[in-house]
Amino acid sequence: MKFIASLFVASMLFCACSDDAAMSEIKRLAQENAKLFNTVDSLKKNLDSLTAYGDSVKKSLEKLDMHP
């Protein structure tokens, strides 16, 4: 998905567009898109970390359970 979005943005940047306002908007949107992808990647890493921590806590609690 990230590749397709990047390819779309790149194709828009290379189009023969003489409208400076449109080109400026495309560049702004491309930068915003890159920031959003970075935010998503960061959130995924955070989620993975929290999931691993939750699994660790769950295992610790299971070890404390003394019922047969």
Protein backbone atom coordinates (compact mmCIF):
# COMPACT_ATOMS: atom_id res chain seq x y z
CA MET A 1 0.00 0.00 0.00
CA LYS A 2 2.81 2.38 0.89
CA PHE A 3 4.52 1.65 -2.44
CA ILE A 4 1.34 2.31 -4.41
CA ALA A 5 0.75 5.61 -2.63
CA SER A 6 4.36 6.67 -3.24
CA LEU A 7 4.11 5.67 -6.88
CA PHE A 8 0.93 7.72 -7.27
CA VAL A 9 2.53 10.78 -5.70
CA ALA A 10 5.63 10.39 -7.86
CA SER A 11 3.54 10.13 -11.01
CA MET A 12 1.68 13.28 -10.03
CA LEU A 13 4.95 15.12 -9.48
CA PHE A 14 6.29 14.12 -12.89
CA CYS A 15 3.17 15.05 -14.82
CA ALA A 16 3.49 17.97 -17.18
CA CYS A 17 1.60 20.35 -14.95
CA SER A 18 2.18 24.06 -15.46
CA ASP A 19 -0.06 25.08 -12.56
CA ASP A 20 2.30 26.13 -9.77
CA ALA A 21 -0.48 26.10 -7.16
CA ALA A 22 -1.38 22.52 -8.06
CA MET A 23 2.27 21.44 -7.94
CA SER A 24 2.68 23.13 -4.58
CA GLU A 25 -0.40 21.33 -3.25
CA ILE A 26 0.87 17.98 -4.58
CA LYS A 27 4.21 18.51 -2.82
CA ARG A 28 2.45 19.50 0.41
CA LEU A 29 0.22 16.45 0.26
CA ALA A 30 3.20 14.20 -0.48
CA GLN A 31 4.97 15.54 2.62
CA GLU A 32 1.84 15.09 4.72
CA ASN A 33 1.46 11.56 3.38
CA ALA A 34 5.04 10.72 4.35
CA LYS A 35 4.47 12.10 7.86
CA LEU A 36 1.30 10.05 8.24
CA PHE A 37 3.08 6.87 7.13
CA ASN A 38 5.79 7.56 9.70
CA THR A 39 3.15 8.08 12.38
CA VAL A 40 1.44 4.81 11.45
CA ASP A 41 4.76 2.95 11.57
CA SER A 42 5.53 4.45 14.98
CA LEU A 43 2.09 3.51 16.31
CA LYS A 44 2.48 -0.05 15.00
CA LYS A 45 5.81 -0.37 16.82
CA ASN A 46 4.24 1.01 19.99
CA LEU A 47 1.34 -1.45 19.68
CA ASP A 48 3.75 -4.35 19.18
CA SER A 49 5.69 -3.30 22.26
CA LEU A 50 2.56 -2.97 24.39
CA THR A 51 1.25 -6.30 23.13
CA ALA A 52 4.51 -8.00 24.08
CA TYR A 53 4.37 -6.37 27.51
CA GLY A 54 0.75 -7.48 27.94
CA ASP A 55 1.68 -11.04 27.01
CA SER A 56 4.50 -10.95 29.54
CA VAL A 57 2.19 -9.73 32.29
CA LYS A 58 -0.37 -12.39 31.37
CA LYS A 59 2.27 -15.14 31.65
CA SER A 60 3.42 -13.77 35.00
CA LEU A 61 -0.16 -13.78 36.30
CA GLU A 62 -0.70 -17.32 35.02
CA LYS A 63 2.37 -18.44 36.96
CA LEU A 64 0.92 -16.95 40.13
CA ASP A 65 -2.32 -18.88 39.70
CA MET A 66 -2.01 -21.77 42.14
CA HIS A 67 -5.09 -23.70 41.13
CA PRO A 68 -4.39 -27.12 39.60
